[in-house]
Amino acid sequence: MKKLLLPTKTYRLNGRLWLETEDGRFLGIGRLELLQHIAELGSISKAAQAMGMSYKRAWDLVSSMNSQAATPLVSTQTGGAHGGGAVVTAAGHEAMEEFRAVQARFQEFMRTETSLLHG
């Protein structure tokens, strides 16, 4: 393979990782963060607030992930002291773990390829 000759500036590869299905984007870093907040806070609305997004946007993202997953990643619950909550399911925790592992491999790939740009 021919080596790419670049000027003396330092370059690095940059990119975002998305897992997609035939229905569109399934899981990315932002959705992972939403799942983490839901797991920590037990609420979609509190997770949305913590991330500075509307509840509708968060709900749409959760609905999208749940509809594309073989098993829902988030389960909502009604009742309780504040009217309801949400939990990340076992499938949701597994998806988060798998995404983190893929993200780590992706970042390593980007570091390796960046080092090849500069010999």
PDB file of N, CA and C in Angstrom:
ATOM      1  N   MET A   1       0.836  -1.168   0.000  1.00  0.00           N
ATOM      2  CA  MET A   1       0.000   0.000   0.000  1.00  0.00           C
ATOM      3  C   MET A   1       0.885   1.237   0.000  1.00  0.00           C
ATOM      4  N   LYS A   2       0.571   2.179  -0.847  1.00  0.00           N
ATOM      5  CA  LYS A   2       1.353   3.396  -0.951  1.00  0.00           C
ATOM      6  C   LYS A   2       1.089   4.287   0.257  1.00  0.00           C
ATOM      7  N   LYS A   3       2.152   4.840   0.814  1.00  0.00           N
ATOM      8  CA  LYS A   3       2.030   5.714   1.971  1.00  0.00           C
ATOM      9  C   LYS A   3       1.497   7.074   1.530  1.00  0.00           C
ATOM     10  N   LEU A   4       0.565   7.600   2.294  1.00  0.00           N
ATOM     11  CA  LEU A   4      -0.002   8.906   2.027  1.00  0.00           C
ATOM     12  C   LEU A   4       0.974   9.973   2.505  1.00  0.00           C
ATOM     13  N   LEU A   5       1.357  10.869   1.612  1.00  0.00           N
ATOM     14  CA  LEU A   5       2.294  11.932   1.967  1.00  0.00           C
ATOM     15  C   LEU A   5       1.516  13.194   2.295  1.00  0.00           C
ATOM     16  N   LEU A   6       1.621  13.626   3.546  1.00  0.00           N
ATOM     17  CA  LEU A   6       0.927  14.818   3.990  1.00  0.00           C
ATOM     18  C   LEU A   6       1.925  15.906   4.347  1.00  0.00           C
ATOM     19  N   PRO A   7       1.503  17.163   4.295  1.00  0.00           N
ATOM     20  CA  PRO A   7       2.386  18.248   4.734  1.00  0.00           C
ATOM     21  C   PRO A   7       2.809  18.044   6.186  1.00  0.00           C
ATOM     22  N   THR A   8       3.691  18.902   6.658  1.00  0.00           N
ATOM     23  CA  THR A   8       4.285  18.715   7.974  1.00  0.00           C
ATOM     24  C   THR A   8       3.329  18.929   9.144  1.00  0.00           C
ATOM     25  N   LYS A   9       2.137  19.412   8.919  1.00  0.00           N
ATOM     26  CA  LYS A   9       1.175  19.564  10.006  1.00  0.00           C
ATOM     27  C   LYS A   9       0.800  18.194  10.552  1.00  0.00           C
ATOM     28  N   THR A  10       0.325  18.183  11.774  1.00  0.00           N
ATOM     29  CA  THR A  10      -0.130  16.946  12.382  1.00  0.00           C
ATOM     30  C   THR A  10      -1.613  16.759  12.083  1.00  0.00           C
ATOM     31  N   TYR A  11      -1.958  15.605  11.581  1.00  0.00           N
ATOM     32  CA  TYR A  11      -3.337  15.272  11.265  1.00  0.00           C
ATOM     33  C   TYR A  11      -3.760  14.080  12.101  1.00  0.00           C
ATOM     34  N   ARG A  12      -5.043  13.995  12.309  1.00  0.00           N
ATOM     35  CA  ARG A  12      -5.589  12.805  12.968  1.00  0.00           C
ATOM     36  C   ARG A  12      -6.930  12.484  12.340  1.00  0.00           C
ATOM     37  N   LEU A  13      -7.270  11.238  12.355  1.00  0.00           N
ATOM     38  CA  LEU A  13      -8.580  10.816  11.870  1.00  0.00           C
ATOM     39  C   LEU A  13      -9.606  11.064  12.957  1.00  0.00           C
ATOM     40  N   ASN A  14     -10.797  11.399  12.550  1.00  0.00           N
ATOM     41  CA  ASN A  14     -11.862  11.635  13.499  1.00  0.00           C
ATOM     42  C   ASN A  14     -13.141  11.078  12.901  1.00  0.00           C
ATOM     43  N   GLY A  15     -13.967  10.528  13.725  1.00  0.00           N
ATOM     44  CA  GLY A  15     -15.225   9.986  13.228  1.00  0.00           C
ATOM     45  C   GLY A  15     -16.139   9.621  14.373  1.00  0.00           C
ATOM     46  N   ARG A  16     -17.382   9.425  14.045  1.00  0.00           N
ATOM     47  CA  ARG A  16     -18.373   9.001  15.026  1.00  0.00           C
ATOM     48  C   ARG A  16     -18.862   7.614  14.661  1.00  0.00           C
ATOM     49  N   LEU A  17     -19.049   6.837  15.669  1.00  0.00           N
ATOM     50  CA  LEU A  17     -19.523   5.476  15.485  1.00  0.00           C
ATOM     51  C   LEU A  17     -21.027   5.424  15.704  1.00  0.00           C
ATOM     52  N   TRP A  18     -21.725   4.819  14.769  1.00  0.00           N
ATOM     53  CA  TRP A  18     -23.153   4.552  14.883  1.00  0.00           C
ATOM     54  C   TRP A  18     -23.407   3.091  14.581  1.00  0.00           C
ATOM     55  N   LEU A  19     -24.217   2.463  15.389  1.00  0.00           N
ATOM     56  CA  LEU A  19     -24.728   1.144  15.046  1.00  0.00           C
ATOM     57  C   LEU A  19     -26.085   1.385  14.405  1.00  0.00           C
ATOM     58  N   GLU A  20     -26.294   0.807  13.246  1.00  0.00           N
ATOM     59  CA  GLU A  20     -27.529   1.031  12.513  1.00  0.00           C
ATOM     60  C   GLU A  20     -28.225  -0.278  12.198  1.00  0.00           C
ATOM     61  N   THR A  21     -29.529  -0.180  12.020  1.00  0.00           N
ATOM     62  CA  THR A  21     -30.322  -1.297  11.514  1.00  0.00           C
ATOM     63  C   THR A  21     -30.897  -0.849  10.184  1.00  0.00           C
ATOM     64  N   GLU A  22     -31.663  -1.699   9.550  1.00  0.00           N
ATOM     65  CA  GLU A  22     -32.300  -1.309   8.298  1.00  0.00           C
ATOM     66  C   GLU A  22     -33.300  -0.172   8.519  1.00  0.00           C
ATOM     67  N   ASP A  23     -33.698   0.047   9.769  1.00  0.00           N
ATOM     68  CA  ASP A  23     -34.643   1.114  10.104  1.00  0.00           C
ATOM     69  C   ASP A  23     -33.958   2.439  10.443  1.00  0.00           C
ATOM     70  N   GLY A  24     -32.650   2.456  10.450  1.00  0.00           N
ATOM     71  CA  GLY A  24     -31.927   3.693  10.735  1.00  0.00           C
ATOM     72  C   GLY A  24     -30.977   3.556  11.910  1.00  0.00           C
ATOM     73  N   ARG A  25     -30.584   4.705  12.452  1.00  0.00           N
ATOM     74  CA  ARG A  25     -29.639   4.724  13.563  1.00  0.00           C
ATOM     75  C   ARG A  25     -30.244   4.063  14.787  1.00  0.00           C
ATOM     76  N   PHE A  26     -29.439   3.211  15.402  1.00  0.00           N
ATOM     77  CA  PHE A  26     -29.896   2.474  16.573  1.00  0.00           C
ATOM     78  C   PHE A  26     -29.207   2.960  17.834  1.00  0.00           C
ATOM     79  N   LEU A  27     -27.883   2.987  17.814  1.00  0.00           N
ATOM     80  CA  LEU A  27     -27.156   3.343  19.023  1.00  0.00           C
ATOM     81  C   LEU A  27     -25.882   4.087  18.655  1.00  0.00           C
ATOM     82  N   GLY A  28     -25.676   5.210  19.303  1.00  0.00           N
ATOM     83  CA  GLY A  28     -24.479   6.022  19.142  1.00  0.00           C
ATOM     84  C   GLY A  28     -24.110   6.601  20.493  1.00  0.00           C
ATOM     85  N   ILE A  29     -23.107   7.439  20.527  1.00  0.00           N
ATOM     86  CA  ILE A  29     -22.606   7.947  21.801  1.00  0.00           C
ATOM     87  C   ILE A  29     -23.667   8.768  22.541  1.00  0.00           C
ATOM     88  N   GLY A  30     -24.456   9.561  21.844  1.00  0.00           N
ATOM     89  CA  GLY A  30     -25.505  10.342  22.498  1.00  0.00           C
ATOM     90  C   GLY A  30     -26.598   9.472  23.094  1.00  0.00           C
ATOM     91  N   ARG A  31     -26.982   8.446  22.364  1.00  0.00           N
ATOM     92  CA  ARG A  31     -28.007   7.532  22.872  1.00  0.00           C
ATOM     93  C   ARG A  31     -27.468   6.709  24.036  1.00  0.00           C
ATOM     94  N   LEU A  32     -26.190   6.364  23.970  1.00  0.00           N
ATOM     95  CA  LEU A  32     -25.561   5.675  25.094  1.00  0.00           C
ATOM     96  C   LEU A  32     -25.617   6.551  26.337  1.00  0.00           C
ATOM     97  N   GLU A  33     -25.317   7.833  26.174  1.00  0.00           N
ATOM     98  CA  GLU A  33     -25.360   8.764  27.300  1.00  0.00           C
ATOM     99  C   GLU A  33     -26.781   8.862  27.858  1.00  0.00           C
ATOM    100  N   LEU A  34     -27.782   8.886  26.989  1.00  0.00           N
ATOM    101  CA  LEU A  34     -29.170   8.918  27.444  1.00  0.00           C
ATOM    102  C   LEU A  34     -29.496   7.670  28.264  1.00  0.00           C
ATOM    103  N   LEU A  35     -29.097   6.502  27.778  1.00  0.00           N
ATOM    104  CA  LEU A  35     -29.335   5.264  28.520  1.00  0.00           C
ATOM    105  C   LEU A  35     -28.637   5.295  29.882  1.00  0.00           C
ATOM    106  N   GLN A  36     -27.418   5.807  29.924  1.00  0.00           N
ATOM    107  CA  GLN A  36     -26.682   5.899  31.189  1.00  0.00           C
ATOM    108  C   GLN A  36     -27.419   6.795  32.185  1.00  0.00           C
ATOM    109  N   HIS A  37     -27.916   7.932  31.706  1.00  0.00           N
ATOM    110  CA  HIS A  37     -28.651   8.840  32.581  1.00  0.00           C
ATOM    111  C   HIS A  37     -29.955   8.199  33.080  1.00  0.00           C
ATOM    112  N   ILE A  38     -30.644   7.504  32.201  1.00  0.00           N
ATOM    113  CA  ILE A  38     -31.880   6.828  32.621  1.00  0.00           C
ATOM    114  C   ILE A  38     -31.554   5.794  33.693  1.00  0.00           C
ATOM    115  N   ALA A  39     -30.475   5.033  33.487  1.00  0.00           N
ATOM    116  CA  ALA A  39     -30.080   4.022  34.475  1.00  0.00           C
ATOM    117  C   ALA A  39     -29.755   4.675  35.825  1.00  0.00           C
ATOM    118  N   GLU A  40     -29.086   5.809  35.796  1.00  0.00           N
ATOM    119  CA  GLU A  40     -28.693   6.489  37.037  1.00  0.00           C
ATOM    120  C   GLU A  40     -29.861   7.202  37.716  1.00  0.00           C
ATOM    121  N   LEU A  41     -30.744   7.821  36.924  1.00  0.00           N
ATOM    122  CA  LEU A  41     -31.782   8.684  37.474  1.00  0.00           C
ATOM    123  C   LEU A  41     -33.153   8.022  37.570  1.00  0.00           C
ATOM    124  N   GLY A  42     -33.341   6.906  36.852  1.00  0.00           N
ATOM    125  CA  GLY A  42     -34.612   6.186  36.909  1.00  0.00           C
ATOM    126  C   GLY A  42     -35.775   6.910  36.261  1.00  0.00           C
ATOM    127  N   SER A  43     -35.469   7.812  35.323  1.00  0.00           N
ATOM    128  CA  SER A  43     -36.524   8.610  34.711  1.00  0.00           C
ATOM    129  C   SER A  43     -36.053   9.137  33.360  1.00  0.00           C
ATOM    130  N   ILE A  44     -36.931   9.063  32.364  1.00  0.00           N
ATOM    131  CA  ILE A  44     -36.609   9.631  31.053  1.00  0.00           C
ATOM    132  C   ILE A  44     -36.598  11.156  31.143  1.00  0.00           C
ATOM    133  N   SER A  45     -37.567  11.742  31.863  1.00  0.00           N
ATOM    134  CA  SER A  45     -37.621  13.201  31.958  1.00  0.00           C
ATOM    135  C   SER A  45     -36.413  13.755  32.712  1.00  0.00           C
ATOM    136  N   LYS A  46     -35.992  13.097  33.790  1.00  0.00           N
ATOM    137  CA  LYS A  46     -34.801  13.567  34.516  1.00  0.00           C
ATOM    138  C   LYS A  46     -33.543  13.388  33.669  1.00  0.00           C
ATOM    139  N   ALA A  47     -33.474  12.303  32.912  1.00  0.00           N
ATOM    140  CA  ALA A  47     -32.323  12.085  32.024  1.00  0.00           C
ATOM    141  C   ALA A  47     -32.284  13.169  30.954  1.00  0.00           C
ATOM    142  N   ALA A  48     -33.454  13.488  30.380  1.00  0.00           N
ATOM    143  CA  ALA A  48     -33.518  14.537  29.356  1.00  0.00           C
ATOM    144  C   ALA A  48     -33.073  15.865  29.938  1.00  0.00           C
ATOM    145  N   GLN A  49     -33.558  16.182  31.109  1.00  0.00           N
ATOM    146  CA  GLN A  49     -33.197  17.438  31.761  1.00  0.00           C
ATOM    147  C   GLN A  49     -31.691  17.498  32.020  1.00  0.00           C
ATOM    148  N   ALA A  50     -31.111  16.415  32.491  1.00  0.00           N
ATOM    149  CA  ALA A  50     -29.670  16.363  32.764  1.00  0.00           C
ATOM    150  C   ALA A  50     -28.848  16.571  31.497  1.00  0.00           C
ATOM    151  N   MET A  51     -29.413  16.171  30.358  1.00  0.00           N
ATOM    152  CA  MET A  51     -28.705  16.294  29.084  1.00  0.00           C
ATOM    153  C   MET A  51     -29.069  17.570  28.330  1.00  0.00           C
ATOM    154  N   GLY A  52     -29.995  18.355  28.869  1.00  0.00           N
ATOM    155  CA  GLY A  52     -30.395  19.588  28.209  1.00  0.00           C
ATOM    156  C   GLY A  52     -31.224  19.366  26.958  1.00  0.00           C
ATOM    157  N   MET A  53     -32.012  18.309  26.955  1.00  0.00           N
ATOM    158  CA  MET A  53     -32.892  18.051  25.805  1.00  0.00           C
ATOM    159  C   MET A  53     -34.326  17.984  26.281  1.00  0.00           C
ATOM    160  N   SER A  54     -35.246  18.103  25.349  1.00  0.00           N
ATOM    161  CA  SER A  54     -36.659  18.034  25.709  1.00  0.00           C
ATOM    162  C   SER A  54     -37.042  16.591  26.042  1.00  0.00           C
ATOM    163  N   TYR A  55     -38.083  16.479  26.843  1.00  0.00           N
ATOM    164  CA  TYR A  55     -38.601  15.145  27.160  1.00  0.00           C
ATOM    165  C   TYR A  55     -39.048  14.453  25.877  1.00  0.00           C
ATOM    166  N   LYS A  56     -39.701  15.204  24.970  1.00  0.00           N
ATOM    167  CA  LYS A  56     -40.171  14.601  23.716  1.00  0.00           C
ATOM    168  C   LYS A  56     -39.021  14.010  22.926  1.00  0.00           C
ATOM    169  N   ARG A  57     -37.911  14.734  22.832  1.00  0.00           N
ATOM    170  CA  ARG A  57     -36.741  14.232  22.097  1.00  0.00           C
ATOM    171  C   ARG A  57     -36.218  12.955  22.747  1.00  0.00           C
ATOM    172  N   ALA A  58     -36.096  12.963  24.067  1.00  0.00           N
ATOM    173  CA  ALA A  58     -35.612  11.781  24.781  1.00  0.00           C
ATOM    174  C   ALA A  58     -36.572  10.606  24.574  1.00  0.00           C
ATOM    175  N   TRP A  59     -37.874  10.877  24.675  1.00  0.00           N
ATOM    176  CA  TRP A  59     -38.865   9.826  24.481  1.00  0.00           C
ATOM    177  C   TRP A  59     -38.778   9.255  23.063  1.00  0.00           C
ATOM    178  N   ASP A  60     -38.616  10.134  22.072  1.00  0.00           N
ATOM    179  CA  ASP A  60     -38.490   9.678  20.686  1.00  0.00           C
ATOM    180  C   ASP A  60     -37.260   8.784  20.514  1.00  0.00           C
ATOM    181  N   LEU A  61     -36.144   9.152  21.142  1.00  0.00           N
ATOM    182  CA  LEU A  61     -34.930   8.335  21.046  1.00  0.00           C
ATOM    183  C   LEU A  61     -35.123   6.981  21.717  1.00  0.00           C
ATOM    184  N   VAL A  62     -35.738   6.974  22.894  1.00  0.00           N
ATOM    185  CA  VAL A  62     -36.009   5.714  23.595  1.00  0.00           C
ATOM    186  C   VAL A  62     -36.944   4.842  22.769  1.00  0.00           C
ATOM    187  N   SER A  63     -37.985   5.438  22.232  1.00  0.00           N
ATOM    188  CA  SER A  63     -38.935   4.678  21.401  1.00  0.00           C
ATOM    189  C   SER A  63     -38.249   4.089  20.183  1.00  0.00           C
ATOM    190  N   SER A  64     -37.375   4.870  19.561  1.00  0.00           N
ATOM    191  CA  SER A  64     -36.643   4.389  18.388  1.00  0.00           C
ATOM    192  C   SER A  64     -35.753   3.201  18.746  1.00  0.00           C
ATOM    193  N   MET A  65     -34.997   3.344  19.829  1.00  0.00           N
ATOM    194  CA  MET A  65     -34.122   2.234  20.245  1.00  0.00           C
ATOM    195  C   MET A  65     -34.942   0.999  20.591  1.00  0.00           C
ATOM    196  N   ASN A  66     -36.014   1.189  21.351  1.00  0.00           N
ATOM    197  CA  ASN A  66     -36.851   0.052  21.754  1.00  0.00           C
ATOM    198  C   ASN A  66     -37.473  -0.648  20.550  1.00  0.00           C
ATOM    199  N   SER A  67     -37.901   0.115  19.557  1.00  0.00           N
ATOM    200  CA  SER A  67     -38.549  -0.504  18.400  1.00  0.00           C
ATOM    201  C   SER A  67     -37.557  -1.263  17.517  1.00  0.00           C
ATOM    202  N   GLN A  68     -36.293  -0.859  17.540  1.00  0.00           N
ATOM    203  CA  GLN A  68     -35.289  -1.515  16.708  1.00  0.00           C
ATOM    204  C   GLN A  68     -34.610  -2.700  17.406  1.00  0.00           C
ATOM    205  N   ALA A  69     -34.682  -2.720  18.718  1.00  0.00           N
ATOM    206  CA  ALA A  69     -34.031  -3.794  19.477  1.00  0.00           C
ATOM    207  C   ALA A  69     -34.909  -5.043  19.499  1.00  0.00           C
ATOM    208  N   ALA A  70     -34.267  -6.188  19.596  1.00  0.00           N
ATOM    209  CA  ALA A  70     -35.008  -7.443  19.698  1.00  0.00           C
ATOM    210  C   ALA A  70     -35.810  -7.471  21.006  1.00  0.00           C
ATOM    211  N   THR A  71     -35.251  -6.886  22.045  1.00  0.00           N
ATOM    212  CA  THR A  71     -35.883  -6.753  23.356  1.00  0.00           C
ATOM    213  C   THR A  71     -35.734  -5.292  23.771  1.00  0.00           C
ATOM    214  N   PRO A  72     -36.765  -4.654  24.305  1.00  0.00           N
ATOM    215  CA  PRO A  72     -36.656  -3.240  24.678  1.00  0.00           C
ATOM    216  C   PRO A  72     -35.460  -2.957  25.593  1.00  0.00           C
ATOM    217  N   LEU A  73     -34.847  -1.802  25.364  1.00  0.00           N
ATOM    218  CA  LEU A  73     -33.697  -1.384  26.161  1.00  0.00           C
ATOM    219  C   LEU A  73     -34.122  -0.612  27.400  1.00  0.00           C
ATOM    220  N   VAL A  74     -35.293  -0.001  27.335  1.00  0.00           N
ATOM    221  CA  VAL A  74     -35.829   0.785  28.447  1.00  0.00           C
ATOM    222  C   VAL A  74     -37.261   0.355  28.689  1.00  0.00           C
ATOM    223  N   SER A  75     -37.594   0.210  29.964  1.00  0.00           N
ATOM    224  CA  SER A  75     -38.956  -0.129  30.350  1.00  0.00           C
ATOM    225  C   SER A  75     -39.499   1.021  31.196  1.00  0.00           C
ATOM    226  N   THR A  76     -40.696   1.477  30.863  1.00  0.00           N
ATOM    227  CA  THR A  76     -41.308   2.542  31.648  1.00  0.00           C
ATOM    228  C   THR A  76     -42.245   1.934  32.675  1.00  0.00           C
ATOM    229  N   GLN A  77     -42.394   2.670  33.767  1.00  0.00           N
ATOM    230  CA  GLN A  77     -43.247   2.214  34.861  1.00  0.00           C
ATOM    231  C   GLN A  77     -44.159   3.354  35.262  1.00  0.00           C
ATOM    232  N   THR A  78     -45.390   3.043  35.601  1.00  0.00           N
ATOM    233  CA  THR A  78     -46.322   4.070  36.060  1.00  0.00           C
ATOM    234  C   THR A  78     -46.500   3.957  37.559  1.00  0.00           C
ATOM    235  N   GLY A  79     -47.001   5.036  38.136  1.00  0.00           N
ATOM    236  CA  GLY A  79     -47.244   5.048  39.573  1.00  0.00           C
ATOM    237  C   GLY A  79     -46.023   5.493  40.336  1.00  0.00           C
ATOM    238  N   GLY A  80     -46.071   5.326  41.631  1.00  0.00           N
ATOM    239  CA  GLY A  80     -44.953   5.741  42.471  1.00  0.00           C
ATOM    240  C   GLY A  80     -45.108   7.176  42.928  1.00  0.00           C
ATOM    241  N   ALA A  81     -44.153   7.655  43.674  1.00  0.00           N
ATOM    242  CA  ALA A  81     -44.223   8.971  44.308  1.00  0.00           C
ATOM    243  C   ALA A  81     -44.300  10.115  43.305  1.00  0.00           C
ATOM    244  N   HIS A  82     -43.668   9.982  42.159  1.00  0.00           N
ATOM    245  CA  HIS A  82     -43.633  11.069  41.192  1.00  0.00           C
ATOM    246  C   HIS A  82     -44.344  10.720  39.891  1.00  0.00           C
ATOM    247  N   GLY A  83     -45.200   9.724  39.904  1.00  0.00           N
ATOM    248  CA  GLY A  83     -46.025   9.412  38.751  1.00  0.00           C
ATOM    249  C   GLY A  83     -45.452   8.423  37.771  1.00  0.00           C
ATOM    250  N   GLY A  84     -44.190   8.085  37.866  1.00  0.00           N
ATOM    251  CA  GLY A  84     -43.648   7.116  36.931  1.00  0.00           C
ATOM    252  C   GLY A  84     -42.147   7.151  36.881  1.00  0.00           C
ATOM    253  N   GLY A  85     -41.602   6.230  36.182  1.00  0.00           N
ATOM    254  CA  GLY A  85     -40.163   6.155  36.058  1.00  0.00           C
ATOM    255  C   GLY A  85     -39.785   5.270  34.897  1.00  0.00           C
ATOM    256  N   ALA A  86     -38.523   5.020  34.781  1.00  0.00           N
ATOM    257  CA  ALA A  86     -38.018   4.178  33.698  1.00  0.00           C
ATOM    258  C   ALA A  86     -36.784   3.445  34.198  1.00  0.00           C
ATOM    259  N   VAL A  87     -36.597   2.258  33.689  1.00  0.00           N
ATOM    260  CA  VAL A  87     -35.399   1.486  34.011  1.00  0.00           C
ATOM    261  C   VAL A  87     -34.781   0.977  32.713  1.00  0.00           C
ATOM    262  N   VAL A  88     -33.468   0.891  32.728  1.00  0.00           N
ATOM    263  CA  VAL A  88     -32.754   0.266  31.626  1.00  0.00           C
ATOM    264  C   VAL A  88     -32.818  -1.236  31.882  1.00  0.00           C
ATOM    265  N   THR A  89     -33.298  -1.970  30.913  1.00  0.00           N
ATOM    266  CA  THR A  89     -33.466  -3.420  31.051  1.00  0.00           C
ATOM    267  C   THR A  89     -32.116  -4.134  30.954  1.00  0.00           C
ATOM    268  N   ALA A  90     -32.128  -5.431  31.202  1.00  0.00           N
ATOM    269  CA  ALA A  90     -30.909  -6.230  31.040  1.00  0.00           C
ATOM    270  C   ALA A  90     -30.390  -6.115  29.608  1.00  0.00           C
ATOM    271  N   ALA A  91     -31.308  -6.114  28.635  1.00  0.00           N
ATOM    272  CA  ALA A  91     -30.904  -5.951  27.231  1.00  0.00           C
ATOM    273  C   ALA A  91     -30.275  -4.581  27.008  1.00  0.00           C
ATOM    274  N   GLY A  92     -30.791  -3.565  27.691  1.00  0.00           N
ATOM    275  CA  GLY A  92     -30.229  -2.222  27.580  1.00  0.00           C
ATOM    276  C   GLY A  92     -28.824  -2.152  28.148  1.00  0.00           C
ATOM    277  N   HIS A  93     -28.621  -2.785  29.297  1.00  0.00           N
ATOM    278  CA  HIS A  93     -27.276  -2.805  29.886  1.00  0.00           C
ATOM    279  C   HIS A  93     -26.305  -3.575  28.988  1.00  0.00           C
ATOM    280  N   GLU A  94     -26.779  -4.655  28.415  1.00  0.00           N
ATOM    281  CA  GLU A  94     -25.940  -5.440  27.493  1.00  0.00           C
ATOM    282  C   GLU A  94     -25.586  -4.623  26.246  1.00  0.00           C
ATOM    283  N   ALA A  95     -26.569  -3.907  25.704  1.00  0.00           N
ATOM    284  CA  ALA A  95     -26.315  -3.070  24.524  1.00  0.00           C
ATOM    285  C   ALA A  95     -25.305  -1.971  24.852  1.00  0.00           C
ATOM    286  N   MET A  96     -25.418  -1.367  26.034  1.00  0.00           N
ATOM    287  CA  MET A  96     -24.466  -0.328  26.437  1.00  0.00           C
ATOM    288  C   MET A  96     -23.062  -0.908  26.546  1.00  0.00           C
ATOM    289  N   GLU A  97     -22.951  -2.070  27.146  1.00  0.00           N
ATOM    290  CA  GLU A  97     -21.649  -2.725  27.299  1.00  0.00           C
ATOM    291  C   GLU A  97     -21.038  -3.069  25.940  1.00  0.00           C
ATOM    292  N   GLU A  98     -21.847  -3.626  25.058  1.00  0.00           N
ATOM    293  CA  GLU A  98     -21.360  -3.981  23.721  1.00  0.00           C
ATOM    294  C   GLU A  98     -20.933  -2.741  22.938  1.00  0.00           C
ATOM    295  N   PHE A  99     -21.727  -1.662  23.039  1.00  0.00           N
ATOM    296  CA  PHE A  99     -21.371  -0.441  22.325  1.00  0.00           C
ATOM    297  C   PHE A  99     -20.043   0.111  22.841  1.00  0.00           C
ATOM    298  N   ARG A 100     -19.863   0.112  24.162  1.00  0.00           N
ATOM    299  CA  ARG A 100     -18.592   0.594  24.728  1.00  0.00           C
ATOM    300  C   ARG A 100     -17.414  -0.215  24.195  1.00  0.00           C
ATOM    301  N   ALA A 101     -17.575  -1.522  24.081  1.00  0.00           N
ATOM    302  CA  ALA A 101     -16.500  -2.380  23.567  1.00  0.00           C
ATOM    303  C   ALA A 101     -16.208  -2.071  22.102  1.00  0.00           C
ATOM    304  N   VAL A 102     -17.247  -1.898  21.299  1.00  0.00           N
ATOM    305  CA  VAL A 102     -17.065  -1.559  19.886  1.00  0.00           C
ATOM    306  C   VAL A 102     -16.426  -0.175  19.775  1.00  0.00           C
ATOM    307  N   GLN A 103     -16.878   0.761  20.605  1.00  0.00           N
ATOM    308  CA  GLN A 103     -16.322   2.121  20.594  1.00  0.00           C
ATOM    309  C   GLN A 103     -14.827   2.095  20.928  1.00  0.00           C
ATOM    310  N   ALA A 104     -14.428   1.273  21.878  1.00  0.00           N
ATOM    311  CA  ALA A 104     -13.005   1.168  22.233  1.00  0.00           C
ATOM    312  C   ALA A 104     -12.197   0.637  21.049  1.00  0.00           C
ATOM    313  N   ARG A 105     -12.722  -0.375  20.355  1.00  0.00           N
ATOM    314  CA  ARG A 105     -12.024  -0.911  19.181  1.00  0.00           C
ATOM    315  C   ARG A 105     -11.969   0.128  18.061  1.00  0.00           C
ATOM    316  N   PHE A 106     -13.040   0.873  17.893  1.00  0.00           N
ATOM    317  CA  PHE A 106     -13.093   1.927  16.875  1.00  0.00           C
ATOM    318  C   PHE A 106     -12.048   3.004  17.171  1.00  0.00           C
ATOM    319  N   GLN A 107     -11.941   3.418  18.419  1.00  0.00           N
ATOM    320  CA  GLN A 107     -10.961   4.434  18.799  1.00  0.00           C
ATOM    321  C   GLN A 107      -9.532   3.923  18.574  1.00  0.00           C
ATOM    322  N   GLU A 108      -9.292   2.663  18.876  1.00  0.00           N
ATOM    323  CA  GLU A 108      -7.967   2.078  18.637  1.00  0.00           C
ATOM    324  C   GLU A 108      -7.658   2.060  17.140  1.00  0.00           C
ATOM    325  N   PHE A 109      -8.647   1.713  16.334  1.00  0.00           N
ATOM    326  CA  PHE A 109      -8.482   1.739  14.884  1.00  0.00           C
ATOM    327  C   PHE A 109      -8.110   3.142  14.414  1.00  0.00           C
ATOM    328  N   MET A 110      -8.816   4.145  14.920  1.00  0.00           N
ATOM    329  CA  MET A 110      -8.541   5.532  14.518  1.00  0.00           C
ATOM    330  C   MET A 110      -7.128   5.954  14.929  1.00  0.00           C
ATOM    331  N   ARG A 111      -6.689   5.562  16.121  1.00  0.00           N
ATOM    332  CA  ARG A 111      -5.311   5.883  16.556  1.00  0.00           C
ATOM    333  C   ARG A 111      -4.294   5.201  15.659  1.00  0.00           C
ATOM    334  N   THR A 112      -4.522   3.939  15.331  1.00  0.00           N
ATOM    335  CA  THR A 112      -3.594   3.198  14.484  1.00  0.00           C
ATOM    336  C   THR A 112      -3.518   3.821  13.101  1.00  0.00           C
ATOM    337  N   GLU A 113      -4.634   4.113  12.510  1.00  0.00           N
ATOM    338  CA  GLU A 113      -4.652   4.705  11.183  1.00  0.00           C
ATOM    339  C   GLU A 113      -4.052   6.111  11.176  1.00  0.00           C
ATOM    340  N   THR A 114      -4.256   6.862  12.238  1.00  0.00           N
ATOM    341  CA  THR A 114      -3.651   8.185  12.340  1.00  0.00           C
ATOM    342  C   THR A 114      -2.137   8.067  12.369  1.00  0.00           C
ATOM    343  N   SER A 115      -1.624   7.097  13.115  1.00  0.00           N
ATOM    344  CA  SER A 115      -0.159   6.938  13.172  1.00  0.00           C
ATOM    345  C   SER A 115       0.414   6.571  11.804  1.00  0.00           C
ATOM    346  N   LEU A 116      -0.357   5.876  10.982  1.00  0.00           N
ATOM    347  CA  LEU A 116       0.097   5.523   9.640  1.00  0.00           C
ATOM    348  C   LEU A 116       0.166   6.740   8.707  1.00  0.00           C
ATOM    349  N   LEU A 117      -0.619   7.761   9.011  1.00  0.00           N
ATOM    350  CA  LEU A 117      -0.574   8.981   8.185  1.00  0.00           C
ATOM    351  C   LEU A 117       0.785   9.666   8.275  1.00  0.00           C
ATOM    352  N   HIS A 118       1.439   9.489   9.409  1.00  0.00           N
ATOM    353  CA  HIS A 118       2.679  10.217   9.662  1.00  0.00           C
ATOM    354  C   HIS A 118       3.900   9.311   9.702  1.00  0.00           C
ATOM    355  N   GLY A 119       3.704   8.066   9.371  1.00  0.00           N
ATOM    356  CA  GLY A 119       4.828   7.148   9.285  1.00  0.00           C
ATOM    357  C   GLY A 119       5.336   6.769  10.618  1.00  0.00           C
TER     358      GLY A 119
END
